[in-house]
């Protein structure tokens, strides 16, 4: 699975906009926009999710699942967890 924030972060790491991701994945810009608007796990057509994940991975992004270790050893960033409440 991939989340909307994870998609946005992956695009930021690549330095691409929604249009470029749509082209890489073979999808429309509105589809990418809807996917990225998800606050949690992206919901949608499984084929579209697979295309986005494949495009991001092909472009050099390793998507790391919650609680999973990174195996590629490259640079990256991930959330530590929920921030402390004030």
N, C-alpha and C. Protein backbone atom coordinates (compact mmCIF):
# COMPACT_ATOMS: atom_id res chain seq x y z
N UNK A 1 0.82 -1.19 0.00
CA UNK A 1 0.00 0.00 0.00
C UNK A 1 0.86 1.25 0.00
N UNK A 2 0.30 2.32 -0.43
CA UNK A 2 0.96 3.62 -0.45
C UNK A 2 -0.04 4.66 0.04
N UNK A 3 0.44 5.66 0.74
CA UNK A 3 -0.44 6.71 1.24
C UNK A 3 -0.29 7.96 0.38
N UNK A 4 -1.27 8.85 0.48
CA UNK A 4 -1.20 10.11 -0.24
C UNK A 4 0.03 10.91 0.13
N UNK A 5 0.30 11.09 1.45
CA UNK A 5 1.51 11.80 1.84
C UNK A 5 2.79 11.13 1.33
N UNK A 6 2.80 9.81 1.29
CA UNK A 6 3.97 9.08 0.79
C UNK A 6 4.18 9.37 -0.70
N UNK A 7 3.09 9.45 -1.45
CA UNK A 7 3.19 9.79 -2.88
C UNK A 7 3.77 11.19 -3.06
N UNK A 8 3.26 12.14 -2.27
CA UNK A 8 3.75 13.52 -2.38
C UNK A 8 5.22 13.59 -2.01
N UNK A 9 5.61 12.88 -0.96
CA UNK A 9 7.01 12.88 -0.54
C UNK A 9 7.91 12.24 -1.60
N UNK A 10 7.43 11.17 -2.21
CA UNK A 10 8.21 10.51 -3.26
C UNK A 10 8.42 11.45 -4.44
N UNK A 11 7.37 12.18 -4.82
CA UNK A 11 7.51 13.16 -5.90
C UNK A 11 8.52 14.24 -5.54
N UNK A 12 8.45 14.69 -4.28
CA UNK A 12 9.38 15.73 -3.82
C UNK A 12 10.82 15.24 -3.88
N UNK A 13 11.06 13.99 -3.47
CA UNK A 13 12.41 13.44 -3.54
C UNK A 13 12.91 13.40 -4.98
N UNK A 14 12.02 13.13 -5.91
CA UNK A 14 12.39 13.08 -7.33
C UNK A 14 12.44 14.46 -7.98
N UNK A 15 11.82 15.44 -7.32
CA UNK A 15 11.76 16.78 -7.90
C UNK A 15 10.86 16.88 -9.11
N UNK A 16 9.75 16.11 -9.07
CA UNK A 16 8.81 16.13 -10.20
C UNK A 16 7.44 16.61 -9.73
N UNK A 17 6.64 17.08 -10.67
CA UNK A 17 5.29 17.52 -10.34
C UNK A 17 4.29 16.41 -10.65
N UNK A 18 3.02 16.70 -10.39
CA UNK A 18 1.98 15.69 -10.61
C UNK A 18 1.89 15.30 -12.08
N UNK A 19 2.09 16.26 -12.97
CA UNK A 19 2.01 15.96 -14.40
C UNK A 19 3.10 14.97 -14.81
N UNK A 20 4.31 15.17 -14.30
CA UNK A 20 5.41 14.26 -14.63
C UNK A 20 5.14 12.86 -14.09
N UNK A 21 4.62 12.76 -12.86
CA UNK A 21 4.30 11.44 -12.30
C UNK A 21 3.20 10.78 -13.12
N UNK A 22 2.20 11.55 -13.51
CA UNK A 22 1.13 11.00 -14.34
C UNK A 22 1.69 10.43 -15.64
N UNK A 23 2.61 11.15 -16.26
CA UNK A 23 3.21 10.67 -17.50
C UNK A 23 4.03 9.41 -17.26
N UNK A 24 4.83 9.39 -16.18
CA UNK A 24 5.63 8.21 -15.86
C UNK A 24 4.77 6.97 -15.61
N UNK A 25 3.61 7.20 -14.99
CA UNK A 25 2.73 6.08 -14.63
C UNK A 25 1.71 5.75 -15.71
N UNK A 26 1.59 6.62 -16.72
CA UNK A 26 0.60 6.38 -17.77
C UNK A 26 -0.82 6.63 -17.29
N UNK A 27 -0.97 7.61 -16.39
CA UNK A 27 -2.27 7.94 -15.83
C UNK A 27 -2.57 9.41 -16.07
N UNK A 28 -3.78 9.82 -15.75
CA UNK A 28 -4.15 11.23 -15.92
C UNK A 28 -3.75 12.03 -14.68
N UNK A 29 -3.57 13.33 -14.85
CA UNK A 29 -3.26 14.21 -13.73
C UNK A 29 -4.37 14.17 -12.68
N UNK A 30 -5.66 14.23 -13.08
CA UNK A 30 -6.72 14.14 -12.06
C UNK A 30 -6.66 12.85 -11.23
N UNK A 31 -6.22 11.76 -11.82
CA UNK A 31 -6.08 10.50 -11.08
C UNK A 31 -5.00 10.64 -10.02
N UNK A 32 -3.87 11.23 -10.40
CA UNK A 32 -2.78 11.44 -9.44
C UNK A 32 -3.25 12.39 -8.34
N UNK A 33 -3.96 13.44 -8.70
CA UNK A 33 -4.47 14.39 -7.71
C UNK A 33 -5.39 13.71 -6.71
N UNK A 34 -6.30 12.86 -7.20
CA UNK A 34 -7.22 12.15 -6.30
C UNK A 34 -6.45 11.22 -5.37
N UNK A 35 -5.46 10.54 -5.91
CA UNK A 35 -4.69 9.60 -5.10
C UNK A 35 -3.93 10.35 -4.00
N UNK A 36 -3.31 11.46 -4.37
CA UNK A 36 -2.52 12.22 -3.40
C UNK A 36 -3.39 12.93 -2.37
N UNK A 37 -4.65 13.14 -2.67
CA UNK A 37 -5.56 13.81 -1.73
C UNK A 37 -5.97 12.88 -0.59
N UNK A 38 -5.69 11.59 -0.71
CA UNK A 38 -6.03 10.63 0.34
C UNK A 38 -5.20 10.93 1.58
N UNK A 39 -5.85 10.93 2.73
CA UNK A 39 -5.11 11.19 3.97
C UNK A 39 -4.42 9.93 4.48
N UNK A 40 -4.99 8.79 4.18
CA UNK A 40 -4.41 7.51 4.59
C UNK A 40 -4.00 6.72 3.36
N UNK A 41 -4.20 5.41 3.42
CA UNK A 41 -3.89 4.57 2.28
C UNK A 41 -4.68 5.02 1.06
N UNK A 42 -3.99 5.08 -0.08
CA UNK A 42 -4.65 5.48 -1.32
C UNK A 42 -5.64 4.41 -1.70
N UNK A 43 -6.85 4.85 -2.01
CA UNK A 43 -7.87 3.92 -2.48
C UNK A 43 -8.12 4.22 -3.94
N UNK A 44 -8.32 3.21 -4.68
CA UNK A 44 -8.57 3.41 -6.10
C UNK A 44 -8.43 2.10 -6.84
N UNK A 45 -8.33 2.21 -8.12
CA UNK A 45 -8.19 1.04 -8.97
C UNK A 45 -6.80 0.43 -8.72
N UNK A 46 -6.77 -0.86 -8.43
CA UNK A 46 -5.52 -1.53 -8.12
C UNK A 46 -4.50 -1.35 -9.24
N UNK A 47 -4.96 -1.41 -10.49
CA UNK A 47 -4.05 -1.24 -11.63
C UNK A 47 -3.37 0.12 -11.59
N UNK A 48 -4.10 1.16 -11.20
CA UNK A 48 -3.52 2.51 -11.11
C UNK A 48 -2.49 2.58 -9.99
N UNK A 49 -2.79 1.96 -8.86
CA UNK A 49 -1.84 1.94 -7.75
C UNK A 49 -0.55 1.24 -8.15
N UNK A 50 -0.68 0.13 -8.84
CA UNK A 50 0.48 -0.63 -9.29
C UNK A 50 1.32 0.21 -10.25
N UNK A 51 0.67 0.94 -11.15
CA UNK A 51 1.39 1.79 -12.10
C UNK A 51 2.16 2.89 -11.40
N UNK A 52 1.56 3.53 -10.40
CA UNK A 52 2.23 4.60 -9.66
C UNK A 52 3.43 4.04 -8.90
N UNK A 53 3.23 2.96 -8.19
CA UNK A 53 4.32 2.35 -7.41
C UNK A 53 5.46 1.95 -8.34
N UNK A 54 5.15 1.32 -9.47
CA UNK A 54 6.19 0.91 -10.42
C UNK A 54 6.93 2.12 -10.97
N UNK A 55 6.20 3.18 -11.30
CA UNK A 55 6.83 4.39 -11.84
C UNK A 55 7.78 5.01 -10.82
N UNK A 56 7.34 5.11 -9.57
CA UNK A 56 8.18 5.69 -8.53
C UNK A 56 9.43 4.84 -8.28
N UNK A 57 9.24 3.53 -8.22
CA UNK A 57 10.39 2.64 -8.01
C UNK A 57 11.35 2.69 -9.18
N UNK A 58 10.82 2.72 -10.40
CA UNK A 58 11.66 2.81 -11.60
C UNK A 58 12.46 4.11 -11.61
N UNK A 59 11.87 5.17 -11.07
CA UNK A 59 12.53 6.48 -11.03
C UNK A 59 13.56 6.56 -9.89
N UNK A 60 13.58 5.56 -9.00
CA UNK A 60 14.60 5.52 -7.97
C UNK A 60 14.13 5.68 -6.54
N UNK A 61 12.82 5.65 -6.31
CA UNK A 61 12.29 5.79 -4.95
C UNK A 61 12.01 4.41 -4.37
N UNK A 62 12.48 4.19 -3.15
CA UNK A 62 12.14 2.97 -2.43
C UNK A 62 11.01 3.30 -1.48
N UNK A 63 9.87 2.69 -1.68
CA UNK A 63 8.72 2.90 -0.80
C UNK A 63 8.85 1.95 0.39
N UNK A 64 8.86 2.52 1.58
CA UNK A 64 9.08 1.74 2.79
C UNK A 64 7.78 1.66 3.56
N UNK A 65 7.33 0.47 3.81
CA UNK A 65 6.10 0.27 4.56
C UNK A 65 6.31 0.55 6.04
N UNK A 66 5.22 0.83 6.73
CA UNK A 66 5.27 1.10 8.17
C UNK A 66 5.92 -0.05 8.91
N UNK A 67 6.94 0.26 9.69
CA UNK A 67 7.64 -0.76 10.47
C UNK A 67 8.63 -1.59 9.68
N UNK A 68 8.77 -1.32 8.39
CA UNK A 68 9.69 -2.08 7.55
C UNK A 68 11.05 -1.41 7.52
N UNK A 69 12.08 -2.21 7.31
CA UNK A 69 13.43 -1.68 7.18
C UNK A 69 13.72 -1.38 5.72
N UNK A 70 14.55 -0.39 5.50
CA UNK A 70 15.00 -0.08 4.15
C UNK A 70 16.13 -1.02 3.80
N UNK A 71 16.05 -1.66 2.65
CA UNK A 71 17.08 -2.62 2.26
C UNK A 71 18.05 -2.06 1.23
N UNK A 72 17.70 -0.93 0.61
CA UNK A 72 18.52 -0.39 -0.47
C UNK A 72 19.73 0.38 0.05
N UNK A 73 19.64 0.93 1.24
CA UNK A 73 20.77 1.63 1.81
C UNK A 73 21.01 3.03 1.29
N UNK A 74 20.10 3.57 0.51
CA UNK A 74 20.26 4.93 0.00
C UNK A 74 19.78 5.95 1.02
N UNK A 75 19.93 7.22 0.67
CA UNK A 75 19.44 8.29 1.53
C UNK A 75 17.94 8.34 1.50
N UNK A 76 17.34 8.91 2.51
CA UNK A 76 15.89 9.03 2.51
C UNK A 76 15.40 9.70 3.78
N UNK A 77 14.12 9.71 3.90
CA UNK A 77 13.48 10.29 5.08
C UNK A 77 12.23 9.50 5.37
N UNK A 78 11.92 9.39 6.63
CA UNK A 78 10.68 8.73 7.01
C UNK A 78 10.17 9.34 8.29
N UNK A 79 8.89 9.24 8.51
CA UNK A 79 8.28 9.74 9.74
C UNK A 79 8.61 8.76 10.88
N UNK A 80 8.91 9.31 12.03
CA UNK A 80 9.21 8.48 13.20
C UNK A 80 7.94 7.95 13.85
N UNK A 81 6.87 8.63 13.69
CA UNK A 81 5.63 8.26 14.33
C UNK A 81 4.84 9.52 14.61
N UNK A 82 3.85 9.39 15.38
CA UNK A 82 3.02 10.56 15.70
C UNK A 82 3.83 11.53 16.53
N UNK A 83 3.77 12.81 16.19
CA UNK A 83 4.49 13.81 16.98
C UNK A 83 3.86 13.94 18.37
N UNK A 84 4.66 14.34 19.36
CA UNK A 84 4.10 14.48 20.70
C UNK A 84 3.06 15.59 20.72
N UNK A 85 2.04 15.38 21.54
CA UNK A 85 0.99 16.40 21.67
C UNK A 85 1.48 17.52 22.54
N UNK A 86 1.03 18.72 22.25
CA UNK A 86 1.46 19.88 23.02
C UNK A 86 0.55 20.13 24.18
